[in-house]
Amino acid sequence: MDALIDFGKILLPAGTVLYAMFLVVKSFLTKELEKKLIDIKIKNTETVLPIRLQAYERICLFLERISPNNLVVRLSNASLSAAQFQQVLITEIRQEFNHNLSQQVYLSDEAWEMVKNAMEDIVSVVNVAAQQVKSDDKSVDLAKRVFELMMEKNNDPIAVALKKVKDEIRTSF
């Protein structure tokens, strides 16, 4: 019986010390893991942040390039008919969109949806304007009608999308 009590006197403090060491080691490993995760997040942020900023810049540039003010001036060609000019405008908008399609990864779903809606609104304005002029009219007539339709709109879809993208940039950075 005395041997059992002596064994208990040794085992109880040894078990307590062992459990305390277990807790210290577990705490140490947990803190080290947290430090590693923080380091990984910092490195990811350093890598992803410039890419995200570049994506926002490209989307802003895309929106500016497809705005009728810039698009029509950049692509105007007096030798084209209204129907040909419509095709040129629509093709250019779609090419610009396809070129920037991968940027959606870096934007919120809401911002990307607004960018897509702005692009579709501009395509719609061009198509409506083309229906309202004769196909053999001059490209200037189509351009004039596009501008008239854009002025009739209460909200400029490009401005709305640009505002959303800029607001997202401000809140993210």
C-alpha atoms as a PDB file:
ATOM      1  CA  MET A   1       0.000   0.000   0.000  1.00  0.00           C
ATOM      2  CA  ASP A   2       2.879   2.370   0.851  1.00  0.00           C
ATOM      3  CA  ALA A   3       4.366   1.612  -2.551  1.00  0.00           C
ATOM      4  CA  LEU A   4       1.111   2.621  -4.211  1.00  0.00           C
ATOM      5  CA  ILE A   5       1.001   5.914  -2.289  1.00  0.00           C
ATOM      6  CA  ASP A   6       4.654   6.598  -3.127  1.00  0.00           C
ATOM      7  CA  PHE A   7       3.946   5.776  -6.762  1.00  0.00           C
ATOM      8  CA  GLY A   8       0.966   8.189  -6.693  1.00  0.00           C
ATOM      9  CA  LYS A   9       3.148  10.931  -5.124  1.00  0.00           C
ATOM     10  CA  ILE A  10       5.540  10.617  -8.060  1.00  0.00           C
ATOM     11  CA  LEU A  11       2.950  10.060 -10.804  1.00  0.00           C
ATOM     12  CA  LEU A  12       0.621  12.961  -9.898  1.00  0.00           C
ATOM     13  CA  PRO A  13       3.284  15.746 -10.042  1.00  0.00           C
ATOM     14  CA  ALA A  14       4.887  14.167 -13.124  1.00  0.00           C
ATOM     15  CA  GLY A  15       1.498  14.046 -14.856  1.00  0.00           C
ATOM     16  CA  THR A  16       0.818  17.662 -13.928  1.00  0.00           C
ATOM     17  CA  VAL A  17       4.214  18.761 -15.282  1.00  0.00           C
ATOM     18  CA  LEU A  18       3.679  16.727 -18.450  1.00  0.00           C
ATOM     19  CA  TYR A  19       0.227  18.272 -18.993  1.00  0.00           C
ATOM     20  CA  ALA A  20       1.626  21.770 -18.400  1.00  0.00           C
ATOM     21  CA  MET A  21       4.376  21.116 -20.958  1.00  0.00           C
ATOM     22  CA  PHE A  22       1.769  19.867 -23.402  1.00  0.00           C
ATOM     23  CA  LEU A  23      -0.204  23.098 -23.012  1.00  0.00           C
ATOM     24  CA  VAL A  24       2.927  25.254 -23.440  1.00  0.00           C
ATOM     25  CA  VAL A  25       4.027  23.403 -26.580  1.00  0.00           C
ATOM     26  CA  LYS A  26       0.488  23.506 -28.024  1.00  0.00           C
ATOM     27  CA  SER A  27       0.256  27.252 -27.367  1.00  0.00           C
ATOM     28  CA  PHE A  28       3.673  27.820 -28.925  1.00  0.00           C
ATOM     29  CA  LEU A  29       2.798  25.820 -32.054  1.00  0.00           C
ATOM     30  CA  THR A  30      -0.539  27.605 -32.404  1.00  0.00           C
ATOM     31  CA  LYS A  31       1.155  31.015 -32.241  1.00  0.00           C
ATOM     32  CA  GLU A  32       3.781  29.928 -34.769  1.00  0.00           C
ATOM     33  CA  LEU A  33       1.072  28.701 -37.124  1.00  0.00           C
ATOM     34  CA  GLU A  34      -0.774  32.020 -36.794  1.00  0.00           C
ATOM     35  CA  LYS A  35       2.455  33.904 -37.557  1.00  0.00           C
ATOM     36  CA  LYS A  36       2.991  31.778 -40.675  1.00  0.00           C
ATOM     37  CA  LEU A  37      -0.572  32.394 -41.828  1.00  0.00           C
ATOM     38  CA  ILE A  38      -0.181  36.140 -41.306  1.00  0.00           C
ATOM     39  CA  ASP A  39       3.081  36.091 -43.283  1.00  0.00           C
ATOM     40  CA  ILE A  40       1.368  34.212 -46.109  1.00  0.00           C
ATOM     41  CA  LYS A  41      -1.518  36.703 -46.134  1.00  0.00           C
ATOM     42  CA  ILE A  42       0.916  39.623 -46.228  1.00  0.00           C
ATOM     43  CA  LYS A  43       2.820  38.083 -49.134  1.00  0.00           C
ATOM     44  CA  ASN A  44      -0.450  37.389 -50.967  1.00  0.00           C
ATOM     45  CA  THR A  45      -1.563  40.958 -50.405  1.00  0.00           C
ATOM     46  CA  GLU A  46       1.749  42.278 -51.713  1.00  0.00           C
ATOM     47  CA  THR A  47       1.307  40.144 -54.823  1.00  0.00           C
ATOM     48  CA  VAL A  48      -2.423  40.559 -55.416  1.00  0.00           C
ATOM     49  CA  LEU A  49      -2.799  44.246 -54.543  1.00  0.00           C
ATOM     50  CA  PRO A  50      -0.950  45.590 -57.596  1.00  0.00           C
ATOM     51  CA  ILE A  51      -2.813  43.138 -59.833  1.00  0.00           C
ATOM     52  CA  ARG A  52      -6.184  44.212 -58.416  1.00  0.00           C
ATOM     53  CA  LEU A  53      -5.325  47.875 -58.846  1.00  0.00           C
ATOM     54  CA  GLN A  54      -4.296  47.197 -62.424  1.00  0.00           C
ATOM     55  CA  ALA A  55      -7.590  45.386 -63.011  1.00  0.00           C
ATOM     56  CA  TYR A  56      -9.555  48.365 -61.705  1.00  0.00           C
ATOM     57  CA  GLU A  57      -7.503  50.674 -63.919  1.00  0.00           C
ATOM     58  CA  ARG A  58      -8.185  48.497 -66.959  1.00  0.00           C
ATOM     59  CA  ILE A  59     -11.920  48.420 -66.261  1.00  0.00           C
ATOM     60  CA  CYS A  60     -11.980  52.210 -65.903  1.00  0.00           C
ATOM     61  CA  LEU A  61     -10.088  52.501 -69.183  1.00  0.00           C
ATOM     62  CA  PHE A  62     -12.494  50.051 -70.810  1.00  0.00           C
ATOM     63  CA  LEU A  63     -15.490  52.093 -69.679  1.00  0.00           C
ATOM     64  CA  GLU A  64     -13.894  55.301 -70.922  1.00  0.00           C
ATOM     65  CA  ARG A  65     -13.024  53.730 -74.280  1.00  0.00           C
ATOM     66  CA  ILE A  66     -16.581  52.506 -74.909  1.00  0.00           C
ATOM     67  CA  SER A  67     -18.262  55.756 -73.902  1.00  0.00           C
ATOM     68  CA  PRO A  68     -19.889  57.210 -77.030  1.00  0.00           C
ATOM     69  CA  ASN A  69     -17.911  60.447 -76.705  1.00  0.00           C
ATOM     70  CA  ASN A  70     -14.617  58.586 -77.033  1.00  0.00           C
ATOM     71  CA  LEU A  71     -15.771  55.675 -79.162  1.00  0.00           C
ATOM     72  CA  VAL A  72     -17.405  57.677 -81.932  1.00  0.00           C
ATOM     73  CA  VAL A  73     -14.587  60.220 -82.129  1.00  0.00           C
ATOM     74  CA  ARG A  74     -11.903  57.529 -82.163  1.00  0.00           C
ATOM     75  CA  LEU A  75     -13.582  55.408 -84.841  1.00  0.00           C
ATOM     76  CA  SER A  76     -15.235  58.062 -86.991  1.00  0.00           C
ATOM     77  CA  ASN A  77     -14.753  57.575 -90.685  1.00  0.00           C
ATOM     78  CA  ALA A  78     -16.711  59.760 -93.087  1.00  0.00           C
ATOM     79  CA  SER A  79     -16.449  57.207 -95.883  1.00  0.00           C
ATOM     80  CA  LEU A  80     -18.548  54.615 -93.991  1.00  0.00           C
ATOM     81  CA  SER A  81     -22.296  54.254 -94.240  1.00  0.00           C
ATOM     82  CA  ALA A  82     -24.400  54.241 -91.076  1.00  0.00           C
ATOM     83  CA  ALA A  83     -24.773  50.437 -91.234  1.00  0.00           C
ATOM     84  CA  GLN A  84     -21.024  49.948 -91.667  1.00  0.00           C
ATOM     85  CA  PHE A  85     -20.293  52.383 -88.845  1.00  0.00           C
ATOM     86  CA  GLN A  86     -22.731  50.528 -86.602  1.00  0.00           C
ATOM     87  CA  GLN A  87     -20.817  47.307 -87.249  1.00  0.00           C
ATOM     88  CA  VAL A  88     -17.499  49.026 -86.539  1.00  0.00           C
ATOM     89  CA  LEU A  89     -18.820  50.446 -83.255  1.00  0.00           C
ATOM     90  CA  ILE A  90     -20.357  47.165 -82.077  1.00  0.00           C
ATOM     91  CA  THR A  91     -17.267  45.180 -83.044  1.00  0.00           C
ATOM     92  CA  GLU A  92     -15.005  47.609 -81.197  1.00  0.00           C
ATOM     93  CA  ILE A  93     -17.147  47.495 -78.040  1.00  0.00           C
ATOM     94  CA  ARG A  94     -17.200  43.700 -78.050  1.00  0.00           C
ATOM     95  CA  GLN A  95     -13.453  43.447 -78.692  1.00  0.00           C
ATOM     96  CA  GLU A  96     -12.749  45.842 -75.832  1.00  0.00           C
ATOM     97  CA  PHE A  97     -15.049  43.829 -73.579  1.00  0.00           C
ATOM     98  CA  ASN A  98     -13.481  40.504 -74.536  1.00  0.00           C
ATOM     99  CA  HIS A  99     -10.029  41.957 -73.996  1.00  0.00           C
ATOM    100  CA  ASN A 100     -10.971  42.912 -70.417  1.00  0.00           C
ATOM    101  CA  LEU A 101     -13.138  39.917 -69.577  1.00  0.00           C
ATOM    102  CA  SER A 102     -10.602  38.381 -67.195  1.00  0.00           C
ATOM    103  CA  GLN A 103     -10.674  41.472 -64.970  1.00  0.00           C
ATOM    104  CA  GLN A 104     -13.977  40.317 -63.488  1.00  0.00           C
ATOM    105  CA  VAL A 105     -11.992  38.069 -61.155  1.00  0.00           C
ATOM    106  CA  TYR A 106     -10.764  41.127 -59.243  1.00  0.00           C
ATOM    107  CA  LEU A 107     -14.058  43.060 -59.090  1.00  0.00           C
ATOM    108  CA  SER A 108     -17.046  42.429 -56.895  1.00  0.00           C
ATOM    109  CA  ASP A 109     -19.983  40.725 -58.575  1.00  0.00           C
ATOM    110  CA  GLU A 110     -22.012  43.917 -58.277  1.00  0.00           C
ATOM    111  CA  ALA A 111     -19.336  46.077 -59.902  1.00  0.00           C
ATOM    112  CA  TRP A 112     -18.807  43.584 -62.724  1.00  0.00           C
ATOM    113  CA  GLU A 113     -22.547  43.425 -63.332  1.00  0.00           C
ATOM    114  CA  MET A 114     -22.669  47.219 -63.613  1.00  0.00           C
ATOM    115  CA  VAL A 115     -19.766  47.173 -66.084  1.00  0.00           C
ATOM    116  CA  LYS A 116     -21.551  44.551 -68.196  1.00  0.00           C
ATOM    117  CA  ASN A 117     -24.806  46.512 -68.034  1.00  0.00           C
ATOM    118  CA  ALA A 118     -23.025  49.686 -69.139  1.00  0.00           C
ATOM    119  CA  MET A 119     -21.525  47.863 -72.104  1.00  0.00           C
ATOM    120  CA  GLU A 120     -24.886  46.359 -73.043  1.00  0.00           C
ATOM    121  CA  ASP A 121     -26.567  49.773 -72.712  1.00  0.00           C
ATOM    122  CA  ILE A 122     -24.063  51.325 -75.108  1.00  0.00           C
ATOM    123  CA  VAL A 123     -24.539  48.476 -77.602  1.00  0.00           C
ATOM    124  CA  SER A 124     -28.289  48.973 -77.277  1.00  0.00           C
ATOM    125  CA  VAL A 125     -28.002  52.727 -77.879  1.00  0.00           C
ATOM    126  CA  VAL A 126     -25.913  52.135 -81.003  1.00  0.00           C
ATOM    127  CA  ASN A 127     -28.398  49.562 -82.307  1.00  0.00           C
ATOM    128  CA  VAL A 128     -31.419  51.783 -81.581  1.00  0.00           C
ATOM    129  CA  ALA A 129     -29.697  54.732 -83.256  1.00  0.00           C
ATOM    130  CA  ALA A 130     -28.927  52.548 -86.281  1.00  0.00           C
ATOM    131  CA  GLN A 131     -32.599  51.588 -86.548  1.00  0.00           C
ATOM    132  CA  GLN A 132     -33.589  55.250 -86.502  1.00  0.00           C
ATOM    133  CA  VAL A 133     -31.356  56.252 -89.405  1.00  0.00           C
ATOM    134  CA  LYS A 134     -31.267  54.825 -92.897  1.00  0.00           C
ATOM    135  CA  SER A 135     -28.588  52.201 -93.436  1.00  0.00           C
ATOM    136  CA  ASP A 136     -27.142  54.103 -96.390  1.00  0.00           C
ATOM    137  CA  ASP A 137     -26.944  57.404 -94.465  1.00  0.00           C
ATOM    138  CA  LYS A 138     -23.520  58.711 -93.543  1.00  0.00           C
ATOM    139  CA  SER A 139     -21.718  57.588 -90.419  1.00  0.00           C
ATOM    140  CA  VAL A 140     -22.020  61.152 -89.114  1.00  0.00           C
ATOM    141  CA  ASP A 141     -25.802  60.768 -89.020  1.00  0.00           C
ATOM    142  CA  LEU A 142     -25.491  57.641 -86.893  1.00  0.00           C
ATOM    143  CA  ALA A 143     -22.981  59.333 -84.596  1.00  0.00           C
ATOM    144  CA  LYS A 144     -25.309  62.307 -84.195  1.00  0.00           C
ATOM    145  CA  ARG A 145     -28.228  60.020 -83.322  1.00  0.00           C
ATOM    146  CA  VAL A 146     -26.118  58.075 -80.810  1.00  0.00           C
ATOM    147  CA  PHE A 147     -25.231  61.332 -79.061  1.00  0.00           C
ATOM    148  CA  GLU A 148     -28.871  62.433 -79.065  1.00  0.00           C
ATOM    149  CA  LEU A 149     -29.997  59.160 -77.505  1.00  0.00           C
ATOM    150  CA  MET A 150     -27.292  59.354 -74.863  1.00  0.00           C
ATOM    151  CA  MET A 151     -28.376  62.893 -73.940  1.00  0.00           C
ATOM    152  CA  GLU A 152     -31.968  61.685 -73.574  1.00  0.00           C
ATOM    153  CA  LYS A 153     -30.921  59.090 -70.990  1.00  0.00           C
ATOM    154  CA  ASN A 154     -31.403  60.168 -67.373  1.00  0.00           C
ATOM    155  CA  ASN A 155     -28.450  58.140 -66.112  1.00  0.00           C
ATOM    156  CA  ASP A 156     -25.309  57.716 -68.142  1.00  0.00           C
ATOM    157  CA  PRO A 157     -24.559  53.975 -67.793  1.00  0.00           C
ATOM    158  CA  ILE A 158     -20.818  54.571 -68.169  1.00  0.00           C
ATOM    159  CA  ALA A 159     -20.793  57.187 -65.405  1.00  0.00           C
ATOM    160  CA  VAL A 160     -22.797  54.923 -63.093  1.00  0.00           C
ATOM    161  CA  ALA A 161     -20.449  51.976 -63.651  1.00  0.00           C
ATOM    162  CA  LEU A 162     -17.357  54.167 -63.274  1.00  0.00           C
ATOM    163  CA  LYS A 163     -18.692  55.541 -59.997  1.00  0.00           C
ATOM    164  CA  LYS A 164     -19.298  52.015 -58.692  1.00  0.00           C
ATOM    165  CA  VAL A 165     -15.799  50.870 -59.669  1.00  0.00           C
ATOM    166  CA  LYS A 166     -14.191  53.957 -58.116  1.00  0.00           C
ATOM    167  CA  ASP A 167     -16.223  53.542 -54.923  1.00  0.00           C
ATOM    168  CA  GLU A 168     -15.109  49.929 -54.713  1.00  0.00           C
ATOM    169  CA  ILE A 169     -11.469  50.981 -55.125  1.00  0.00           C
ATOM    170  CA  ARG A 170     -11.851  53.538 -52.337  1.00  0.00           C
ATOM    171  CA  THR A 171     -13.422  51.065 -49.939  1.00  0.00           C
ATOM    172  CA  SER A 172     -10.921  48.309 -50.727  1.00  0.00           C
ATOM    173  CA  PHE A 173      -7.754  50.352 -50.402  1.00  0.00           C
END
